[in-house]
């Protein structure tokens, strides 16, 4: 059953939710942990943020490649989307959605993009460190709403063994068509990691929402 996976274990950092003006949800990758991804806060501009890092069951959000047919990753995938949804609803009780940001690495980047596309609205921003929309193909019927100018960043490699360029560009295209403002950076020969230019791009999004948010 869906309830067997990803049961609301969330680490927190930064400001208490009732003291913060923004929130960041950090989503770890396969084999990673919430504690691991929280270490990113050392490199990000998060002065006014409440920070949340959900923990996946057995350190993976779904068992197979994000390029597998979605049915092969069930019920894990649906449970992962639902887990992010519950956390988003918790944060939305205190902070407007246009001041809530999603960021993830690898499998967490894929899940962040997938969740955002299935619930498109004006987020503060979405940051995907090596990822793309989930499925053996793009399932456009799964995506609804309009991003209303949400900034989305996708950084990846031209040789990444897990995330092909074709999926990065296909994801960029559909997100743009849904009203997002997407910046995609491809780094030649980059290992499966996060580079300083990606951190800089993330910080531009995290620090720049106040001037562009719509309410």
C-alpha atoms as a PDB file:
ATOM      1  CA  UNK A   1       0.000   0.000   0.000  1.00  0.00           C
ATOM      2  CA  UNK A   2       1.077   3.577  -0.600  1.00  0.00           C
ATOM      3  CA  UNK A   3       1.133   4.260   3.127  1.00  0.00           C
ATOM      4  CA  UNK A   4       4.011   1.764   3.531  1.00  0.00           C
ATOM      5  CA  UNK A   5       6.471   4.220   2.001  1.00  0.00           C
ATOM      6  CA  UNK A   6       7.874   7.659   2.829  1.00  0.00           C
ATOM      7  CA  UNK A   7       5.915   8.147   6.028  1.00  0.00           C
ATOM      8  CA  UNK A   8       6.468  11.811   6.787  1.00  0.00           C
ATOM      9  CA  UNK A   9       9.958  11.664   8.319  1.00  0.00           C
ATOM     10  CA  UNK A  10      11.260  15.201   7.768  1.00  0.00           C
ATOM     11  CA  UNK A  11      14.398  16.912   9.062  1.00  0.00           C
ATOM     12  CA  UNK A  12      14.265  20.660   9.575  1.00  0.00           C
ATOM     13  CA  UNK A  13      16.790  23.484   9.713  1.00  0.00           C
ATOM     14  CA  UNK A  14      16.896  27.243   9.397  1.00  0.00           C
ATOM     15  CA  UNK A  15      14.202  29.367  10.973  1.00  0.00           C
ATOM     16  CA  UNK A  16      11.074  28.017  12.657  1.00  0.00           C
ATOM     17  CA  UNK A  17       8.200  28.013  10.205  1.00  0.00           C
ATOM     18  CA  UNK A  18       6.333  30.740  12.077  1.00  0.00           C
ATOM     19  CA  UNK A  19       9.398  33.018  11.931  1.00  0.00           C
ATOM     20  CA  UNK A  20      10.377  32.431   8.296  1.00  0.00           C
ATOM     21  CA  UNK A  21       9.323  34.424   5.250  1.00  0.00           C
ATOM     22  CA  UNK A  22      10.340  31.681   2.790  1.00  0.00           C
ATOM     23  CA  UNK A  23      10.685  27.912   2.809  1.00  0.00           C
ATOM     24  CA  UNK A  24      12.919  25.461   0.971  1.00  0.00           C
ATOM     25  CA  UNK A  25      12.155  21.769   0.535  1.00  0.00           C
ATOM     26  CA  UNK A  26      15.354  19.810  -0.196  1.00  0.00           C
ATOM     27  CA  UNK A  27      14.924  16.358  -1.760  1.00  0.00           C
ATOM     28  CA  UNK A  28      17.786  13.869  -1.524  1.00  0.00           C
ATOM     29  CA  UNK A  29      18.873  11.469  -4.245  1.00  0.00           C
ATOM     30  CA  UNK A  30      18.971   7.686  -4.443  1.00  0.00           C
ATOM     31  CA  UNK A  31      21.118   6.282  -1.655  1.00  0.00           C
ATOM     32  CA  UNK A  32      21.272   9.654   0.042  1.00  0.00           C
ATOM     33  CA  UNK A  33      19.594  10.880   3.176  1.00  0.00           C
ATOM     34  CA  UNK A  34      17.762  13.934   4.389  1.00  0.00           C
ATOM     35  CA  UNK A  35      20.792  14.733   6.546  1.00  0.00           C
ATOM     36  CA  UNK A  36      23.039  14.596   3.473  1.00  0.00           C
ATOM     37  CA  UNK A  37      20.983  17.013   1.407  1.00  0.00           C
ATOM     38  CA  UNK A  38      20.648  19.404   4.342  1.00  0.00           C
ATOM     39  CA  UNK A  39      24.387  20.011   4.057  1.00  0.00           C
ATOM     40  CA  UNK A  40      23.617  22.058   0.943  1.00  0.00           C
ATOM     41  CA  UNK A  41      22.377  24.821   3.222  1.00  0.00           C
ATOM     42  CA  UNK A  42      26.016  25.705   3.898  1.00  0.00           C
ATOM     43  CA  UNK A  43      26.308  26.868   0.283  1.00  0.00           C
ATOM     44  CA  UNK A  44      22.899  28.477  -0.244  1.00  0.00           C
ATOM     45  CA  UNK A  45      21.543  31.916   0.631  1.00  0.00           C
ATOM     46  CA  UNK A  46      18.885  30.955   3.159  1.00  0.00           C
ATOM     47  CA  UNK A  47      18.844  33.739   5.737  1.00  0.00           C
ATOM     48  CA  UNK A  48      15.050  34.034   5.952  1.00  0.00           C
ATOM     49  CA  UNK A  49      14.193  30.398   5.238  1.00  0.00           C
ATOM     50  CA  UNK A  50      12.652  27.489   7.028  1.00  0.00           C
ATOM     51  CA  UNK A  51      14.269  24.386   5.535  1.00  0.00           C
ATOM     52  CA  UNK A  52      12.728  20.922   5.217  1.00  0.00           C
ATOM     53  CA  UNK A  53      14.309  17.670   4.040  1.00  0.00           C
ATOM     54  CA  UNK A  54      12.021  14.635   3.738  1.00  0.00           C
ATOM     55  CA  UNK A  55      13.525  11.170   4.120  1.00  0.00           C
ATOM     56  CA  UNK A  56      12.714   8.400   1.643  1.00  0.00           C
ATOM     57  CA  UNK A  57      12.072   4.843   2.794  1.00  0.00           C
ATOM     58  CA  UNK A  58      15.280   2.811   2.388  1.00  0.00           C
ATOM     59  CA  UNK A  59      16.937   5.971   1.020  1.00  0.00           C
ATOM     60  CA  UNK A  60      15.223   5.758  -2.353  1.00  0.00           C
ATOM     61  CA  UNK A  61      12.082   7.451  -3.628  1.00  0.00           C
ATOM     62  CA  UNK A  62      11.420   4.756  -6.240  1.00  0.00           C
ATOM     63  CA  UNK A  63      13.348   1.576  -7.079  1.00  0.00           C
ATOM     64  CA  UNK A  64      14.118   1.819 -10.791  1.00  0.00           C
ATOM     65  CA  UNK A  65      15.472   4.440 -13.160  1.00  0.00           C
ATOM     66  CA  UNK A  66      13.368   7.564 -13.604  1.00  0.00           C
ATOM     67  CA  UNK A  67      13.277   6.558 -17.288  1.00  0.00           C
ATOM     68  CA  UNK A  68      11.422   3.317 -16.525  1.00  0.00           C
ATOM     69  CA  UNK A  69       7.695   3.104 -17.278  1.00  0.00           C
ATOM     70  CA  UNK A  70       6.011   4.720 -14.268  1.00  0.00           C
ATOM     71  CA  UNK A  71       4.088   1.545 -13.428  1.00  0.00           C
ATOM     72  CA  UNK A  72       7.385  -0.203 -12.697  1.00  0.00           C
ATOM     73  CA  UNK A  73       8.158   2.353  -9.988  1.00  0.00           C
ATOM     74  CA  UNK A  74       4.807   1.989  -8.247  1.00  0.00           C
ATOM     75  CA  UNK A  75       3.648   2.197  -5.555  1.00  0.00           C
ATOM     76  CA  UNK A  76       6.826   4.016  -4.545  1.00  0.00           C
ATOM     77  CA  UNK A  77       6.463   6.872  -7.024  1.00  0.00           C
ATOM     78  CA  UNK A  78       2.895   7.750  -6.088  1.00  0.00           C
ATOM     79  CA  UNK A  79       3.855   7.574  -2.417  1.00  0.00           C
ATOM     80  CA  UNK A  80       6.795   9.909  -3.044  1.00  0.00           C
ATOM     81  CA  UNK A  81       4.607  12.456  -4.827  1.00  0.00           C
ATOM     82  CA  UNK A  82       2.079  12.217  -2.002  1.00  0.00           C
ATOM     83  CA  UNK A  83       4.794  12.656   0.617  1.00  0.00           C
ATOM     84  CA  UNK A  84       5.936  15.905  -0.994  1.00  0.00           C
ATOM     85  CA  UNK A  85       2.309  16.975  -1.255  1.00  0.00           C
ATOM     86  CA  UNK A  86       1.745  16.505   2.461  1.00  0.00           C
ATOM     87  CA  UNK A  87       4.882  18.467   3.275  1.00  0.00           C
ATOM     88  CA  UNK A  88       3.894  21.224   0.854  1.00  0.00           C
ATOM     89  CA  UNK A  89       0.470  21.504   2.501  1.00  0.00           C
ATOM     90  CA  UNK A  90       2.116  21.746   5.911  1.00  0.00           C
ATOM     91  CA  UNK A  91       4.357  24.590   4.767  1.00  0.00           C
ATOM     92  CA  UNK A  92       1.552  26.382   2.906  1.00  0.00           C
ATOM     93  CA  UNK A  93      -0.296  26.876   6.193  1.00  0.00           C
ATOM     94  CA  UNK A  94       2.364  29.432   7.132  1.00  0.00           C
ATOM     95  CA  UNK A  95       4.030  30.580   3.898  1.00  0.00           C
ATOM     96  CA  UNK A  96       2.552  31.592   0.551  1.00  0.00           C
ATOM     97  CA  UNK A  97       3.320  29.178  -2.267  1.00  0.00           C
ATOM     98  CA  UNK A  98       5.185  31.843  -4.247  1.00  0.00           C
ATOM     99  CA  UNK A  99       7.708  31.902  -1.399  1.00  0.00           C
ATOM    100  CA  UNK A 100       8.148  28.113  -1.288  1.00  0.00           C
ATOM    101  CA  UNK A 101      11.072  26.577  -3.171  1.00  0.00           C
ATOM    102  CA  UNK A 102      11.854  23.003  -4.190  1.00  0.00           C
ATOM    103  CA  UNK A 103      15.380  21.735  -4.800  1.00  0.00           C
ATOM    104  CA  UNK A 104      16.789  18.264  -5.302  1.00  0.00           C
ATOM    105  CA  UNK A 105      19.755  16.283  -6.530  1.00  0.00           C
ATOM    106  CA  UNK A 106      19.577  13.400  -9.022  1.00  0.00           C
ATOM    107  CA  UNK A 107      16.556  11.258  -8.086  1.00  0.00           C
ATOM    108  CA  UNK A 108      15.492  14.107  -5.815  1.00  0.00           C
ATOM    109  CA  UNK A 109      15.792  16.535  -8.726  1.00  0.00           C
ATOM    110  CA  UNK A 110      13.582  14.304 -10.862  1.00  0.00           C
ATOM    111  CA  UNK A 111      11.011  14.040  -8.088  1.00  0.00           C
ATOM    112  CA  UNK A 112      11.046  17.800  -7.483  1.00  0.00           C
ATOM    113  CA  UNK A 113      10.412  18.535 -11.162  1.00  0.00           C
ATOM    114  CA  UNK A 114       7.732  15.856 -11.405  1.00  0.00           C
ATOM    115  CA  UNK A 115       5.904  17.095  -8.316  1.00  0.00           C
ATOM    116  CA  UNK A 116       6.036  20.692  -9.498  1.00  0.00           C
ATOM    117  CA  UNK A 117       4.767  19.812 -12.974  1.00  0.00           C
ATOM    118  CA  UNK A 118       1.857  17.831 -11.532  1.00  0.00           C
ATOM    119  CA  UNK A 119       0.929  20.792  -9.311  1.00  0.00           C
ATOM    120  CA  UNK A 120       2.007  23.741 -11.448  1.00  0.00           C
ATOM    121  CA  UNK A 121       1.442  27.126  -9.839  1.00  0.00           C
ATOM    122  CA  UNK A 122       3.592  30.108  -8.900  1.00  0.00           C
ATOM    123  CA  UNK A 123       6.283  28.612  -6.697  1.00  0.00           C
ATOM    124  CA  UNK A 124       9.219  30.622  -5.449  1.00  0.00           C
ATOM    125  CA  UNK A 125      11.401  28.449  -7.642  1.00  0.00           C
ATOM    126  CA  UNK A 126      12.412  24.903  -8.506  1.00  0.00           C
ATOM    127  CA  UNK A 127      16.057  23.826  -8.643  1.00  0.00           C
ATOM    128  CA  UNK A 128      17.044  20.512 -10.229  1.00  0.00           C
ATOM    129  CA  UNK A 129      20.661  19.468  -9.837  1.00  0.00           C
ATOM    130  CA  UNK A 130      20.810  16.792 -12.577  1.00  0.00           C
ATOM    131  CA  UNK A 131      17.286  15.605 -13.291  1.00  0.00           C
ATOM    132  CA  UNK A 132      14.302  15.534 -15.607  1.00  0.00           C
ATOM    133  CA  UNK A 133      10.616  14.675 -15.678  1.00  0.00           C
ATOM    134  CA  UNK A 134       9.834  11.061 -14.842  1.00  0.00           C
ATOM    135  CA  UNK A 135       8.821   8.246 -17.193  1.00  0.00           C
ATOM    136  CA  UNK A 136       9.884   6.229 -20.206  1.00  0.00           C
ATOM    137  CA  UNK A 137       8.436   9.174 -22.126  1.00  0.00           C
ATOM    138  CA  UNK A 138       6.956  12.532 -21.181  1.00  0.00           C
ATOM    139  CA  UNK A 139       3.417  11.950 -19.896  1.00  0.00           C
ATOM    140  CA  UNK A 140       2.003  15.407 -20.565  1.00  0.00           C
ATOM    141  CA  UNK A 141      -1.479  14.387 -19.412  1.00  0.00           C
ATOM    142  CA  UNK A 142      -0.097  14.095 -15.867  1.00  0.00           C
ATOM    143  CA  UNK A 143       0.743  17.789 -15.792  1.00  0.00           C
ATOM    144  CA  UNK A 144      -1.726  20.549 -15.105  1.00  0.00           C
ATOM    145  CA  UNK A 145      -1.773  24.144 -13.993  1.00  0.00           C
ATOM    146  CA  UNK A 146       0.439  27.073 -14.935  1.00  0.00           C
ATOM    147  CA  UNK A 147       3.752  28.053 -13.376  1.00  0.00           C
ATOM    148  CA  UNK A 148       2.977  31.758 -13.887  1.00  0.00           C
ATOM    149  CA  UNK A 149       6.613  32.702 -14.325  1.00  0.00           C
ATOM    150  CA  UNK A 150       8.150  30.388 -11.721  1.00  0.00           C
ATOM    151  CA  UNK A 151      11.935  30.286 -12.212  1.00  0.00           C
ATOM    152  CA  UNK A 152      13.211  26.748 -12.728  1.00  0.00           C
ATOM    153  CA  UNK A 153      16.872  25.796 -12.922  1.00  0.00           C
ATOM    154  CA  UNK A 154      18.156  22.525 -14.395  1.00  0.00           C
ATOM    155  CA  UNK A 155      21.871  21.794 -14.313  1.00  0.00           C
ATOM    156  CA  UNK A 156      23.242  18.613 -15.861  1.00  0.00           C
ATOM    157  CA  UNK A 157      26.106  17.015 -17.766  1.00  0.00           C
ATOM    158  CA  UNK A 158      26.385  16.086 -21.415  1.00  0.00           C
ATOM    159  CA  UNK A 159      27.685  12.684 -20.317  1.00  0.00           C
ATOM    160  CA  UNK A 160      25.652  11.894 -17.204  1.00  0.00           C
ATOM    161  CA  UNK A 161      25.109   8.117 -16.979  1.00  0.00           C
ATOM    162  CA  UNK A 162      21.652   8.460 -15.429  1.00  0.00           C
ATOM    163  CA  UNK A 163      20.057  11.558 -16.991  1.00  0.00           C
ATOM    164  CA  UNK A 164      20.277  11.837 -20.797  1.00  0.00           C
ATOM    165  CA  UNK A 165      20.346  15.233 -22.469  1.00  0.00           C
ATOM    166  CA  UNK A 166      17.276  14.353 -24.509  1.00  0.00           C
ATOM    167  CA  UNK A 167      15.203  14.135 -21.321  1.00  0.00           C
ATOM    168  CA  UNK A 168      16.679  17.341 -19.912  1.00  0.00           C
ATOM    169  CA  UNK A 169      15.689  19.250 -23.042  1.00  0.00           C
ATOM    170  CA  UNK A 170      12.265  17.591 -23.270  1.00  0.00           C
ATOM    171  CA  UNK A 171      11.623  18.572 -19.650  1.00  0.00           C
ATOM    172  CA  UNK A 172      12.766  22.125 -20.290  1.00  0.00           C
ATOM    173  CA  UNK A 173      10.377  22.380 -23.230  1.00  0.00           C
ATOM    174  CA  UNK A 174       7.254  21.225 -21.402  1.00  0.00           C
ATOM    175  CA  UNK A 175       8.016  23.323 -18.314  1.00  0.00           C
ATOM    176  CA  UNK A 176       8.443  26.413 -20.472  1.00  0.00           C
ATOM    177  CA  UNK A 177       5.156  25.618 -22.194  1.00  0.00           C
ATOM    178  CA  UNK A 178       3.506  25.485 -18.764  1.00  0.00           C
ATOM    179  CA  UNK A 179       4.554  29.038 -18.008  1.00  0.00           C
ATOM    180  CA  UNK A 180       7.846  28.506 -16.199  1.00  0.00           C
ATOM    181  CA  UNK A 181      10.997  30.489 -16.917  1.00  0.00           C
ATOM    182  CA  UNK A 182      13.569  27.729 -17.298  1.00  0.00           C
ATOM    183  CA  UNK A 183      17.340  28.094 -17.258  1.00  0.00           C
ATOM    184  CA  UNK A 184      19.215  24.976 -18.325  1.00  0.00           C
ATOM    185  CA  UNK A 185      22.980  24.657 -17.988  1.00  0.00           C
ATOM    186  CA  UNK A 186      24.843  21.721 -19.513  1.00  0.00           C
ATOM    187  CA  UNK A 187      28.377  21.179 -18.233  1.00  0.00           C
ATOM    188  CA  UNK A 188      30.666  19.148 -20.525  1.00  0.00           C
ATOM    189  CA  UNK A 189      32.047  16.063 -18.824  1.00  0.00           C
ATOM    190  CA  UNK A 190      30.609  16.921 -15.409  1.00  0.00           C
ATOM    191  CA  UNK A 191      30.581  14.042 -12.942  1.00  0.00           C
ATOM    192  CA  UNK A 192      27.379  13.115 -11.102  1.00  0.00           C
ATOM    193  CA  UNK A 193      27.748  15.977  -8.649  1.00  0.00           C
ATOM    194  CA  UNK A 194      26.885  19.642  -8.054  1.00  0.00           C
ATOM    195  CA  UNK A 195      29.199  22.367  -9.358  1.00  0.00           C
ATOM    196  CA  UNK A 196      29.792  25.873  -8.076  1.00  0.00           C
ATOM    197  CA  UNK A 197      28.059  27.516 -11.092  1.00  0.00           C
ATOM    198  CA  UNK A 198      24.943  25.488 -10.257  1.00  0.00           C
ATOM    199  CA  UNK A 199      25.063  26.732  -6.672  1.00  0.00           C
ATOM    200  CA  UNK A 200      25.384  30.289  -7.967  1.00  0.00           C
ATOM    201  CA  UNK A 201      22.344  29.810 -10.221  1.00  0.00           C
ATOM    202  CA  UNK A 202      20.376  28.359  -7.317  1.00  0.00           C
ATOM    203  CA  UNK A 203      21.272  31.319  -5.131  1.00  0.00           C
ATOM    204  CA  UNK A 204      20.049  33.756  -7.767  1.00  0.00           C
ATOM    205  CA  UNK A 205      16.652  32.068  -7.619  1.00  0.00           C
ATOM    206  CA  UNK A 206      16.585  31.782  -3.843  1.00  0.00           C
ATOM    207  CA  UNK A 207      17.474  35.430  -3.320  1.00  0.00           C
ATOM    208  CA  UNK A 208      15.527  36.985  -6.189  1.00  0.00           C
ATOM    209  CA  UNK A 209      11.913  35.921  -5.674  1.00  0.00           C
ATOM    210  CA  UNK A 210      10.780  38.941  -3.661  1.00  0.00           C
ATOM    211  CA  UNK A 211      10.908  41.294  -6.659  1.00  0.00           C
ATOM    212  CA  UNK A 212       9.171  38.968  -9.098  1.00  0.00           C
ATOM    213  CA  UNK A 213       6.587  37.141  -7.016  1.00  0.00           C
ATOM    214  CA  UNK A 214       2.969  37.482  -7.990  1.00  0.00           C
ATOM    215  CA  UNK A 215       0.285  37.386  -5.336  1.00  0.00           C
END
